[in-house]
C-alpha cells in the first residue's frame, strides 16, 4: 500500500535512512506501486524499485546511509 508520509514507512527504512533518502524511497515506492497495480508482485516490485532509487543517491558506509558525494570521502 502507498505511504502517505515518512512516518508510515516500514521500520527497516524509517530507522536506517536519513530523511531525504526516506523521501526518495517513499516517492519511488508509491510510483512503482501505482504503476504495477495489476501485478501479483506489486508490493515486492515497489520495494525493490524504491531501494534502487535510494541507491542512486545514497551509499551505505558502515551502518550509515550517506549521500554518494560524501561516501567516497568516508571509505
C-alpha atoms as a PDB file:
ATOM      1  CA  UNK A   1       0.000   0.000   0.000  1.00  0.00           C
ATOM      2  CA  UNK A   2       1.244   3.517  -0.706  1.00  0.00           C
ATOM      3  CA  UNK A   3       2.837   5.541   2.069  1.00  0.00           C
ATOM      4  CA  UNK A   4       1.385   8.980   2.883  1.00  0.00           C
ATOM      5  CA  UNK A   5       4.365  10.168   4.912  1.00  0.00           C
ATOM      6  CA  UNK A   6       7.797   9.031   6.030  1.00  0.00           C
ATOM      7  CA  UNK A   7       6.303   8.135   9.413  1.00  0.00           C
ATOM      8  CA  UNK A   8       4.308   5.408   7.626  1.00  0.00           C
ATOM      9  CA  UNK A   9       7.396   3.734   6.143  1.00  0.00           C
ATOM     10  CA  UNK A  10       8.451   0.329   7.483  1.00  0.00           C
ATOM     11  CA  UNK A  11      10.836   0.482  10.475  1.00  0.00           C
ATOM     12  CA  UNK A  12      13.598  -1.072   8.355  1.00  0.00           C
ATOM     13  CA  UNK A  13      13.504   2.041   6.178  1.00  0.00           C
ATOM     14  CA  UNK A  14      12.487   4.687   8.698  1.00  0.00           C
ATOM     15  CA  UNK A  15      15.103   3.748  11.303  1.00  0.00           C
ATOM     16  CA  UNK A  16      18.041   3.480   8.906  1.00  0.00           C
ATOM     17  CA  UNK A  17      17.716   6.074   6.156  1.00  0.00           C
ATOM     18  CA  UNK A  18      18.188   9.824   6.564  1.00  0.00           C
ATOM     19  CA  UNK A  19      15.062  11.950   5.920  1.00  0.00           C
ATOM     20  CA  UNK A  20      15.916  12.856   2.310  1.00  0.00           C
ATOM     21  CA  UNK A  21      16.570   9.201   1.462  1.00  0.00           C
ATOM     22  CA  UNK A  22      13.221   8.340   3.067  1.00  0.00           C
ATOM     23  CA  UNK A  23      11.558  10.877   0.763  1.00  0.00           C
ATOM     24  CA  UNK A  24      13.199   9.214  -2.239  1.00  0.00           C
ATOM     25  CA  UNK A  25      12.131   5.759  -1.042  1.00  0.00           C
ATOM     26  CA  UNK A  26       8.520   6.822  -0.392  1.00  0.00           C
ATOM     27  CA  UNK A  27       8.111   8.601  -3.728  1.00  0.00           C
ATOM     28  CA  UNK A  28       9.668   5.755  -5.726  1.00  0.00           C
ATOM     29  CA  UNK A  29       7.642   3.140  -3.847  1.00  0.00           C
ATOM     30  CA  UNK A  30       4.361   4.973  -4.392  1.00  0.00           C
ATOM     31  CA  UNK A  31       5.041   5.477  -8.091  1.00  0.00           C
ATOM     32  CA  UNK A  32       6.052   1.852  -8.666  1.00  0.00           C
ATOM     33  CA  UNK A  33       3.108   0.600  -6.599  1.00  0.00           C
ATOM     34  CA  UNK A  34       0.675   2.550  -8.780  1.00  0.00           C
ATOM     35  CA  UNK A  35       2.451   1.513 -11.993  1.00  0.00           C
ATOM     36  CA  UNK A  36       2.191  -2.209 -11.212  1.00  0.00           C
ATOM     37  CA  UNK A  37      -1.409  -2.297  -9.994  1.00  0.00           C
ATOM     38  CA  UNK A  38      -2.236  -5.465 -11.950  1.00  0.00           C
ATOM     39  CA  UNK A  39       0.918  -7.393 -10.990  1.00  0.00           C
ATOM     40  CA  UNK A  40       0.702 -10.057  -8.282  1.00  0.00           C
ATOM     41  CA  UNK A  41       4.175  -8.994  -7.103  1.00  0.00           C
ATOM     42  CA  UNK A  42       3.153  -5.328  -6.898  1.00  0.00           C
ATOM     43  CA  UNK A  43       4.474  -4.691  -3.394  1.00  0.00           C
ATOM     44  CA  UNK A  44       7.731  -6.604  -3.936  1.00  0.00           C
ATOM     45  CA  UNK A  45       8.398  -4.685  -7.149  1.00  0.00           C
ATOM     46  CA  UNK A  46       7.650  -1.391  -5.415  1.00  0.00           C
ATOM     47  CA  UNK A  47      10.080  -2.119  -2.563  1.00  0.00           C
ATOM     48  CA  UNK A  48      12.830  -3.208  -4.959  1.00  0.00           C
ATOM     49  CA  UNK A  49      12.293  -0.104  -7.084  1.00  0.00           C
ATOM     50  CA  UNK A  50      12.376   2.130  -4.013  1.00  0.00           C
ATOM     51  CA  UNK A  51      15.662   0.667  -2.752  1.00  0.00           C
ATOM     52  CA  UNK A  52      17.181   1.032  -6.220  1.00  0.00           C
ATOM     53  CA  UNK A  53      16.150   4.700  -6.255  1.00  0.00           C
ATOM     54  CA  UNK A  54      17.775   5.284  -2.872  1.00  0.00           C
ATOM     55  CA  UNK A  55      20.985   3.584  -4.013  1.00  0.00           C
ATOM     56  CA  UNK A  56      21.266   6.012  -6.943  1.00  0.00           C
ATOM     57  CA  UNK A  57      21.758   8.862  -4.456  1.00  0.00           C
ATOM     58  CA  UNK A  58      22.987   7.200  -1.249  1.00  0.00           C
ATOM     59  CA  UNK A  59      25.520   4.558  -0.252  1.00  0.00           C
ATOM     60  CA  UNK A  60      25.822   2.558   2.926  1.00  0.00           C
ATOM     61  CA  UNK A  61      29.109   3.242   4.685  1.00  0.00           C
ATOM     62  CA  UNK A  62      29.407   1.009   7.712  1.00  0.00           C
ATOM     63  CA  UNK A  63      25.984   1.206   9.350  1.00  0.00           C
ATOM     64  CA  UNK A  64      25.135   4.621   7.958  1.00  0.00           C
ATOM     65  CA  UNK A  65      23.498   5.726   4.699  1.00  0.00           C
ATOM     66  CA  UNK A  66      25.253   8.810   3.306  1.00  0.00           C
ATOM     67  CA  UNK A  67      24.899  10.830   0.083  1.00  0.00           C
ATOM     68  CA  UNK A  68      27.074   9.401  -2.675  1.00  0.00           C
ATOM     69  CA  UNK A  69      29.218  12.522  -2.890  1.00  0.00           C
ATOM     70  CA  UNK A  70      30.136  12.035   0.789  1.00  0.00           C
ATOM     71  CA  UNK A  71      30.578   8.264   0.551  1.00  0.00           C
ATOM     72  CA  UNK A  72      33.806   8.499  -1.429  1.00  0.00           C
ATOM     73  CA  UNK A  73      35.390  10.581   1.328  1.00  0.00           C
ATOM     74  CA  UNK A  74      34.342   8.229   4.144  1.00  0.00           C
ATOM     75  CA  UNK A  75      35.683   4.969   2.731  1.00  0.00           C
END
